[in-house]
Amino acid sequence: MGQLQQADSVGAVAAELAAEIRALLVQNTANVRAVRRQYTRQLKQASSAFMLNLARELIAEYEQRWVAYELIRYHKEAFQALGETELEALGQGIDSWWTVDAFGRTLAGLAWLQGQVSDELIDKWAQSEDRWWRRAALVSTVGLNMRSEGGRGDVPRTLAVCRRIAGDHDDMVVKALSWALRELIPHDPDAVRNFLSQHEEVLAARVKREVRNKLTTGLKNPKAAS
């Protein structure tokens, strides 16, 4: 693909990108990301509307959800155009741990961190009947706390989501709750200890075990590392 031309349609670009990924001899993360980076460079001057439509096309027609999210994440104008409506539209269809984590880590958490979506939106997800949206609420807190993503540590907002979901024993949600609490430990271990103590009776055993392991040893599963 050359530089984006005015005549290039969303459908044409999506089809070409998807075809390049299908043509890869090995479709691993590194190789697929290399294709995505190529398109990020070539689409640098594209409008935010074009990029959002391209992401939707890649998801709907080619099941390239992760690539679609990264194209938005690394296009400044497109990412800044994300509001609650746009974000939820891109999250429609999340139905596995990897689709949720791609959505939460790549888009939702950072949009929340940057004030583009509200606490109320994340709280709505935390109360959803859909396990995957509840997981998305927890994964979004990771963006508040991971230094590599610009997170500075946000105890009140992280624990508000964790508190809402503390008694949830769905396995996919439990694993995300453990993750959310463990990411908060470097910022405020005492707050995490207090949370465990306050919710001892309702928390799943996995959450208590993994988070306490992290607090005392620095590892989620110290035996597995030995």
Protein backbone atom coordinates (compact mmCIF):
# COMPACT_ATOMS: atom_id res chain seq x y z
CA MET A 1 0.00 0.00 0.00
CA GLY A 2 1.23 3.51 -0.80
CA GLN A 3 0.34 6.69 1.02
CA LEU A 4 -3.38 7.05 1.63
CA GLN A 5 -5.11 8.62 -1.35
CA GLN A 6 -8.31 10.64 -1.27
CA ALA A 7 -10.04 7.97 -3.32
CA ASP A 8 -9.09 5.13 -0.99
CA SER A 9 -12.24 3.89 0.72
CA VAL A 10 -12.47 2.47 4.22
CA GLY A 11 -13.53 -0.85 2.72
CA ALA A 12 -10.58 -0.99 0.36
CA VAL A 13 -8.02 -0.22 3.04
CA ALA A 14 -9.58 -2.73 5.45
CA ALA A 15 -9.58 -5.44 2.80
CA GLU A 16 -5.96 -4.78 1.86
CA LEU A 17 -4.78 -4.75 5.47
CA ALA A 18 -6.65 -7.98 6.26
CA ALA A 19 -5.21 -9.62 3.15
CA GLU A 20 -1.67 -8.71 4.20
CA ILE A 21 -2.23 -10.31 7.58
CA ARG A 22 -3.69 -13.46 6.01
CA ALA A 23 -0.65 -13.67 3.72
CA LEU A 24 1.81 -13.77 6.60
CA LEU A 25 3.63 -17.09 6.79
CA VAL A 26 3.53 -16.88 10.58
CA GLN A 27 0.68 -14.91 12.12
CA ASN A 28 2.21 -14.19 15.49
CA THR A 29 1.97 -10.99 17.51
CA ALA A 30 5.25 -9.55 16.24
CA ASN A 31 4.45 -10.10 12.56
CA VAL A 32 0.87 -8.85 12.78
CA ARG A 33 2.02 -5.79 14.73
CA ALA A 34 4.60 -5.07 12.03
CA VAL A 35 1.77 -4.87 9.48
CA ARG A 36 -0.24 -2.66 11.83
CA ARG A 37 2.73 -0.31 12.29
CA GLN A 38 3.14 -0.04 8.53
CA TYR A 39 -0.48 1.06 8.20
CA THR A 40 -0.17 3.41 11.16
CA ARG A 41 2.62 5.21 9.33
CA GLN A 42 0.77 5.30 6.04
CA LEU A 43 -2.50 6.46 7.60
CA LYS A 44 -0.92 9.18 9.71
CA GLN A 45 -2.72 11.94 7.79
CA ALA A 46 -6.10 10.18 7.70
CA SER A 47 -8.98 11.83 9.52
CA SER A 48 -10.25 10.56 12.84
CA ALA A 49 -13.57 9.66 11.19
CA PHE A 50 -11.77 7.55 8.57
CA MET A 51 -9.80 5.72 11.26
CA LEU A 52 -12.81 5.02 13.44
CA ASN A 53 -14.73 3.70 10.45
CA LEU A 54 -11.73 1.61 9.43
CA ALA A 55 -11.55 0.09 12.91
CA ARG A 56 -15.26 -0.79 12.81
CA GLU A 57 -14.85 -2.37 9.37
CA LEU A 58 -11.89 -4.46 10.48
CA ILE A 59 -13.86 -5.75 13.46
CA ALA A 60 -17.15 -6.39 11.67
CA GLU A 61 -15.88 -7.84 8.42
CA TYR A 62 -12.47 -9.36 9.20
CA GLU A 63 -12.44 -10.08 12.96
CA GLN A 64 -9.26 -8.02 13.30
CA ARG A 65 -10.26 -6.53 16.64
CA TRP A 66 -6.81 -6.18 18.19
CA VAL A 67 -5.37 -4.57 15.06
CA ALA A 68 -8.35 -2.21 14.90
CA TYR A 69 -7.80 -1.12 18.49
CA GLU A 70 -4.10 -0.51 17.94
CA LEU A 71 -4.77 1.55 14.82
CA ILE A 72 -6.93 3.87 16.96
CA ARG A 73 -4.52 3.84 19.90
CA TYR A 74 -1.59 4.98 17.76
CA HIS A 75 -3.43 7.59 15.70
CA LYS A 76 -3.48 10.74 17.80
CA GLU A 77 -6.56 12.38 16.34
CA ALA A 78 -8.57 9.16 16.25
CA PHE A 79 -7.79 8.35 19.85
CA GLN A 80 -8.64 11.86 20.98
CA ALA A 81 -11.98 11.52 19.17
CA LEU A 82 -12.98 8.60 21.39
CA GLY A 83 -15.90 9.45 23.61
CA GLU A 84 -18.25 7.13 25.44
CA THR A 85 -20.40 6.39 22.38
CA GLU A 86 -17.42 5.62 20.15
CA LEU A 87 -15.71 3.51 22.81
CA GLU A 88 -18.75 1.38 23.57
CA ALA A 89 -19.35 0.84 19.86
CA LEU A 90 -15.82 -0.49 19.47
CA GLY A 91 -16.37 -2.78 22.44
CA GLN A 92 -19.49 -4.41 21.05
CA GLY A 93 -18.89 -8.12 20.60
CA ILE A 94 -16.14 -8.59 23.20
CA ASP A 95 -16.64 -12.20 24.20
CA SER A 96 -13.34 -13.69 25.39
CA TRP A 97 -10.52 -12.83 27.76
CA TRP A 98 -8.27 -11.66 24.93
CA THR A 99 -10.86 -9.44 23.23
CA VAL A 100 -11.74 -7.84 26.56
CA ASP A 101 -8.11 -7.32 27.53
CA ALA A 102 -7.26 -5.82 24.13
CA PHE A 103 -10.20 -3.43 24.53
CA GLY A 104 -9.48 -2.54 28.15
CA ARG A 105 -5.71 -2.22 27.88
CA THR A 106 -5.46 -0.61 24.46
CA LEU A 107 -8.42 1.77 24.48
CA ALA A 108 -10.74 1.92 27.48
CA GLY A 109 -8.24 2.26 30.31
CA LEU A 110 -6.23 4.96 28.58
CA ALA A 111 -9.35 6.87 27.52
CA TRP A 112 -10.51 6.77 31.14
CA LEU A 113 -7.10 7.88 32.40
CA GLN A 114 -7.16 10.84 30.02
CA GLY A 115 -10.65 11.91 31.04
CA GLN A 116 -12.34 11.06 27.75
CA VAL A 117 -14.89 8.79 29.44
CA SER A 118 -16.53 9.07 32.83
CA ASP A 119 -16.33 7.08 36.03
CA GLU A 120 -20.06 6.45 35.58
CA LEU A 121 -19.46 4.61 32.30
CA ILE A 122 -16.98 2.22 33.91
CA ASP A 123 -19.32 1.72 36.86
CA LYS A 124 -22.10 0.83 34.43
CA TRP A 125 -19.88 -1.84 32.91
CA ALA A 126 -19.07 -3.14 36.40
CA GLN A 127 -22.77 -3.70 37.01
CA SER A 128 -23.46 -5.33 33.64
CA GLU A 129 -25.13 -8.73 33.42
CA ASP A 130 -22.51 -9.59 30.79
CA ARG A 131 -19.40 -11.11 32.37
CA TRP A 132 -17.19 -9.64 29.66
CA TRP A 133 -18.22 -6.05 30.34
CA ARG A 134 -17.66 -6.60 34.07
CA ARG A 135 -14.20 -7.86 33.22
CA ALA A 136 -13.69 -4.83 30.96
CA ALA A 137 -14.40 -2.50 33.88
CA LEU A 138 -11.67 -4.18 35.93
CA VAL A 139 -9.16 -4.34 33.09
CA SER A 140 -9.74 -0.63 32.48
CA THR A 141 -8.38 0.10 35.97
CA VAL A 142 -5.04 -1.37 34.87
CA GLY A 143 -4.59 1.68 32.65
CA LEU A 144 -4.89 3.91 35.70
CA ASN A 145 -2.03 2.15 37.45
CA MET A 146 0.45 0.77 34.93
CA ARG A 147 3.39 3.17 34.75
CA SER A 148 4.29 1.92 31.28
CA GLU A 149 0.92 3.23 30.07
CA GLY A 150 1.22 6.55 31.90
CA GLY A 151 -0.73 5.39 34.93
CA ARG A 152 0.08 7.25 38.11
CA GLY A 153 -1.88 5.13 40.56
CA ASP A 154 -5.52 5.85 41.27
CA VAL A 155 -6.60 4.20 44.50
CA PRO A 156 -10.13 5.67 44.79
CA ARG A 157 -11.27 4.85 41.26
CA THR A 158 -9.61 1.44 41.16
CA LEU A 159 -11.07 0.33 44.47
CA ALA A 160 -14.51 1.70 43.58
CA VAL A 161 -14.65 -0.75 40.67
CA CYS A 162 -13.14 -3.58 42.73
CA ARG A 163 -15.65 -2.93 45.50
CA ARG A 164 -18.53 -3.11 43.06
CA ILE A 165 -17.35 -6.55 41.86
CA ALA A 166 -15.83 -7.94 45.07
CA GLY A 167 -18.39 -10.72 45.48
CA ASP A 168 -18.40 -11.81 41.82
CA HIS A 169 -17.17 -15.40 41.49
CA ASP A 170 -17.26 -15.74 37.70
CA ASP A 171 -13.81 -17.09 36.84
CA MET A 172 -13.06 -14.51 34.14
CA VAL A 173 -14.05 -11.70 36.49
CA VAL A 174 -12.16 -13.17 39.44
CA LYS A 175 -8.93 -13.31 37.45
CA ALA A 176 -9.36 -9.68 36.38
CA LEU A 177 -10.11 -8.58 39.95
CA SER A 178 -6.87 -10.19 41.10
CA TRP A 179 -5.02 -8.41 38.29
CA ALA A 180 -6.56 -5.03 39.10
CA LEU A 181 -5.60 -5.27 42.76
CA ARG A 182 -2.08 -6.50 42.00
CA GLU A 183 -1.46 -3.55 39.68
CA LEU A 184 -2.39 -1.19 42.52
CA ILE A 185 0.13 -2.67 44.97
CA PRO A 186 3.19 -0.65 43.82
CA HIS A 187 1.22 2.55 44.43
CA ASP A 188 -0.48 1.79 47.75
CA PRO A 189 0.01 -1.68 49.26
CA ASP A 190 -1.74 -0.69 52.49
CA ALA A 191 -4.90 0.24 50.59
CA VAL A 192 -4.88 -3.19 48.95
CA ARG A 193 -4.35 -4.93 52.30
CA ASN A 194 -7.25 -3.01 53.78
CA PHE A 195 -9.44 -3.93 50.82
CA LEU A 196 -8.68 -7.63 51.30
CA SER A 197 -9.47 -7.37 54.99
CA GLN A 198 -12.72 -5.50 54.45
CA HIS A 199 -13.99 -7.94 51.81
CA GLU A 200 -12.52 -11.16 53.21
CA GLU A 201 -15.88 -12.91 53.42
CA VAL A 202 -16.97 -12.32 49.83
CA LEU A 203 -13.76 -12.40 47.80
CA ALA A 204 -12.94 -15.52 45.78
CA ALA A 205 -10.11 -17.63 47.17
CA ARG A 206 -8.00 -17.00 44.03
CA VAL A 207 -8.12 -13.23 44.58
CA LYS A 208 -7.05 -13.49 48.21
CA ARG A 209 -4.28 -15.99 47.45
CA GLU A 210 -2.77 -14.23 44.45
CA VAL A 211 -2.95 -10.72 45.85
CA ARG A 212 -1.52 -11.75 49.23
CA ASN A 213 1.26 -13.62 47.45
CA LYS A 214 2.05 -10.48 45.49
CA LEU A 215 2.03 -8.37 48.66
CA THR A 216 4.38 -10.69 50.55
CA THR A 217 6.65 -12.13 47.84
CA GLY A 218 6.27 -9.84 44.84
CA LEU A 219 4.93 -12.75 42.78
CA LYS A 220 1.41 -13.90 42.00
CA ASN A 221 2.36 -17.59 42.21
CA PRO A 222 5.72 -17.93 43.97
CA LYS A 223 5.69 -21.74 43.85
CA ALA A 224 5.41 -21.73 40.07
CA ALA A 225 8.53 -19.57 39.86
CA SER A 226 10.64 -21.80 42.08
